[in-house]
């Protein structure tokens, strides 16, 4: 199967060789499922990706690097959950 990017009226979608378009939400779900399947199969998926590596991949599918960096910053600034019971001072 061949997959490419279709740009139409300023919108982007992933299209395969059979004309199937995948929305941004579907792309995210497909990639999440694929990594889950690979991990469950015991395949070495690696230790992760650096931000520049992730931005390069996103760039390949037409996602602006700035938005990848902003998303990573938002992820890194999430509050960490507290374990156990609440702490009272």
Protein backbone atom coordinates (compact mmCIF):
# COMPACT_ATOMS: atom_id res chain seq x y z
CA UNK A 1 0.00 0.00 0.00
CA UNK A 2 1.31 3.45 -0.88
CA UNK A 3 0.45 6.37 1.37
CA UNK A 4 0.81 10.06 0.55
CA UNK A 5 -0.41 13.45 1.68
CA UNK A 6 -3.28 15.24 -0.01
CA UNK A 7 -3.53 19.00 0.39
CA UNK A 8 -6.89 20.38 -0.60
CA UNK A 9 -8.23 23.82 0.24
CA UNK A 10 -5.60 24.28 2.93
CA UNK A 11 -6.51 21.01 4.65
CA UNK A 12 -4.27 17.97 4.80
CA UNK A 13 -5.21 14.33 4.96
CA UNK A 14 -3.32 11.09 4.56
CA UNK A 15 -4.44 9.11 1.50
CA UNK A 16 -3.59 5.54 0.55
CA UNK A 17 -3.34 4.08 -2.95
CA UNK A 18 -6.99 2.98 -2.81
CA UNK A 19 -8.27 6.50 -2.24
CA UNK A 20 -8.96 6.11 1.50
CA UNK A 21 -8.44 9.34 3.43
CA UNK A 22 -7.50 9.24 7.12
CA UNK A 23 -8.40 12.18 9.35
CA UNK A 24 -6.01 13.58 11.95
CA UNK A 25 -7.91 11.70 14.65
CA UNK A 26 -7.70 8.43 12.71
CA UNK A 27 -3.99 8.95 12.08
CA UNK A 28 -3.39 9.37 15.81
CA UNK A 29 -5.46 6.26 16.59
CA UNK A 30 -3.69 4.19 13.92
CA UNK A 31 -0.24 5.17 15.19
CA UNK A 32 -1.23 4.52 18.81
CA UNK A 33 -2.67 1.10 17.93
CA UNK A 34 0.37 0.19 15.82
CA UNK A 35 2.79 1.02 18.65
CA UNK A 36 0.62 -0.90 21.15
CA UNK A 37 0.57 -3.94 18.84
CA UNK A 38 4.32 -3.75 18.32
CA UNK A 39 4.94 -3.53 22.06
CA UNK A 40 2.55 -6.44 22.77
CA UNK A 41 4.34 -8.55 20.16
CA UNK A 42 7.61 -7.95 21.96
CA UNK A 43 9.16 -6.15 19.02
CA UNK A 44 11.84 -3.71 19.93
CA UNK A 45 10.28 -0.29 19.47
CA UNK A 46 13.25 1.53 20.89
CA UNK A 47 13.50 3.74 23.91
CA UNK A 48 11.63 6.66 22.40
CA UNK A 49 12.32 9.65 20.20
CA UNK A 50 13.96 12.98 20.83
CA UNK A 51 12.00 16.14 20.09
CA UNK A 52 14.03 16.84 16.92
CA UNK A 53 13.40 13.27 15.70
CA UNK A 54 9.68 13.60 16.43
CA UNK A 55 9.55 16.98 14.68
CA UNK A 56 11.26 15.45 11.61
CA UNK A 57 8.64 12.70 11.45
CA UNK A 58 5.81 15.21 11.87
CA UNK A 59 7.34 17.34 9.13
CA UNK A 60 7.15 14.34 6.78
CA UNK A 61 3.35 14.32 7.09
CA UNK A 62 2.92 18.07 6.95
CA UNK A 63 2.65 18.90 10.65
CA UNK A 64 4.40 22.16 11.49
CA UNK A 65 7.40 21.72 13.81
CA UNK A 66 6.20 24.65 15.94
CA UNK A 67 3.05 22.75 16.89
CA UNK A 68 5.05 19.63 17.75
CA UNK A 69 7.25 21.71 20.05
CA UNK A 70 4.22 23.37 21.64
CA UNK A 71 2.55 19.98 22.20
CA UNK A 72 5.73 18.59 23.77
CA UNK A 73 5.98 21.62 26.06
CA UNK A 74 2.36 21.13 27.13
CA UNK A 75 3.06 17.46 27.83
CA UNK A 76 6.19 18.28 29.84
CA UNK A 77 4.38 20.89 31.94
CA UNK A 78 1.56 18.60 33.08
CA UNK A 79 1.37 18.28 36.86
CA UNK A 80 2.62 14.96 38.17
CA UNK A 81 0.00 12.85 39.94
CA UNK A 82 0.49 12.30 43.66
CA UNK A 83 0.74 8.73 44.85
CA UNK A 84 -1.03 7.57 47.95
CA UNK A 85 -3.17 9.68 50.21
CA UNK A 86 -3.41 13.47 50.04
CA UNK A 87 -0.81 15.35 52.00
CA UNK A 88 -2.12 17.83 54.55
CA UNK A 89 0.10 20.59 55.87
